Protein backbone atom coordinates (compact mmCIF):
# COMPACT_ATOMS: atom_id res chain seq x y z
CA MET A 1 -9.57 6.04 -24.26
CA LYS A 2 -12.20 8.64 -23.48
CA ALA A 3 -13.96 8.89 -20.12
CA GLN A 4 -16.79 6.37 -19.92
CA GLN A 5 -19.82 6.87 -17.72
CA LEU A 6 -20.59 3.61 -15.88
CA PHE A 7 -23.54 4.73 -13.73
CA ASN A 8 -25.82 7.73 -13.63
CA SER A 9 -28.99 7.18 -11.69
CA ARG A 10 -31.31 8.72 -9.16
CA VAL A 11 -33.41 6.42 -7.00
CA VAL A 12 -36.27 7.81 -4.93
CA ILE A 13 -36.25 6.23 -1.48
CA SER A 14 -39.27 8.08 -0.05
CA GLU A 15 -41.18 11.34 -0.46
CA ARG A 16 -38.40 12.98 1.53
CA SER A 17 -35.26 11.26 0.22
CA PHE A 18 -33.35 9.94 -2.77
CA VAL A 19 -29.91 8.64 -3.71
CA GLU A 20 -27.94 9.81 -6.71
CA ILE A 21 -25.03 7.78 -8.12
CA VAL A 22 -22.60 8.90 -10.81
CA VAL A 23 -19.48 6.85 -11.62
CA TRP A 24 -17.02 7.37 -14.50
CA ARG A 25 -14.03 5.34 -15.69
CA LEU A 26 -11.31 7.79 -16.67
CA PRO A 27 -8.35 7.34 -19.01
CA ALA A 28 -6.05 8.06 -16.03
CA PRO A 29 -6.49 8.46 -12.26
CA LEU A 30 -7.33 11.83 -10.76
CA VAL A 31 -4.68 13.57 -8.66
CA ALA A 32 -4.62 11.85 -5.22
CA SER A 33 -6.59 8.79 -6.39
CA PRO A 34 -4.76 5.54 -7.24
CA HIS A 35 -7.58 4.24 -9.49
CA PRO A 36 -9.16 5.39 -12.78
CA PHE A 37 -12.65 6.14 -11.40
CA LYS A 38 -14.37 9.45 -10.68
CA TYR A 39 -17.50 9.21 -8.56
CA ARG A 40 -20.07 10.94 -6.43
CA LEU A 41 -22.76 9.13 -4.50
CA ALA A 42 -25.19 11.23 -2.49
CA PHE A 43 -28.04 10.54 -0.11
CA VAL A 44 -30.37 13.53 0.12
CA VAL A 45 -33.05 13.93 2.79
CA ASP A 46 -35.38 16.95 2.91
CA ARG A 47 -33.24 18.64 0.22
CA ALA A 48 -30.05 18.33 2.32
CA CYS A 49 -27.17 16.03 1.41
CA VAL A 50 -26.66 13.98 4.59
CA LEU A 51 -24.21 11.42 3.16
CA ARG A 52 -21.83 11.68 0.20
CA TYR A 53 -18.95 9.63 -1.17
CA ASP A 54 -16.70 11.36 -3.71
CA ASN A 55 -13.14 11.82 -4.92
CA GLU A 56 -12.44 15.39 -5.90
CA ALA A 57 -9.20 15.95 -7.78
CA GLY A 58 -6.48 16.64 -5.23
CA LYS A 59 -8.55 15.41 -2.26
CA GLY A 60 -8.71 11.71 -3.06
CA ASP A 61 -11.32 9.24 -1.89
CA HIS A 62 -13.45 10.34 1.05
CA ARG A 63 -16.97 10.39 2.43
CA HIS A 64 -19.08 13.00 4.14
CA TRP A 65 -21.35 11.97 7.02
CA GLY A 66 -23.27 15.13 7.83
CA ALA A 67 -20.64 17.83 8.41
CA GLU A 68 -17.87 15.28 9.05
CA GLU A 69 -15.40 14.36 6.28
CA LEU A 70 -13.67 10.98 6.59
CA PRO A 71 -11.17 9.10 4.40
CA TYR A 72 -12.53 6.24 2.30
CA THR A 73 -10.56 3.28 0.95
CA PHE A 74 -11.73 2.62 -2.61
CA VAL A 75 -11.60 -1.06 -3.68
CA SER A 76 -13.94 -1.25 -6.69
CA PRO A 77 -17.12 0.39 -8.03
CA HIS A 78 -19.11 -2.59 -6.73
CA GLN A 79 -17.68 -2.25 -3.20
CA LEU A 80 -18.16 1.53 -3.33
CA MET A 81 -21.89 1.07 -3.91
CA ALA A 82 -22.16 -1.65 -1.25
CA ASP A 83 -20.43 0.59 1.32
CA PHE A 84 -22.56 3.58 0.35
CA TYR A 85 -25.86 1.69 0.62
CA ALA A 86 -24.77 0.22 3.97
CA ASP A 87 -24.22 3.79 5.21
CA VAL A 88 -27.60 4.88 3.80
CA GLN A 89 -29.27 2.09 5.79
CA ARG A 90 -27.24 3.00 8.89
CA TRP A 91 -28.26 6.66 8.56
CA GLN A 92 -31.92 5.72 8.11
CA HIS A 93 -31.79 3.45 11.16
CA GLU A 94 -30.07 6.09 13.34
CA HIS A 95 -32.49 8.84 12.25
CA SER A 96 -35.79 6.97 12.21
CA ASN A 97 -38.53 7.90 14.60
CA PRO A 98 -39.32 5.10 17.08
């Protein structure tokens, strides 16, 4: 089986922000990942990536919240997107002007 791209999209949220989602199904898991998916999901505001979920080979599943890197428990591509969008909403809520 060859790698199969499942998602590749960019969604504009506002004039200042967008999300980009890329998910692949691989023939075999990456080093340090127990599942056959390669992904990167990014939330970009004012040209800076403020939130990112990814699984680099050797690093495994994790997410970046600003400068902080935290482990992430991957369940499925569907749950990955649900968790990511929940964090996007949380970030927007925490950084909105009253």
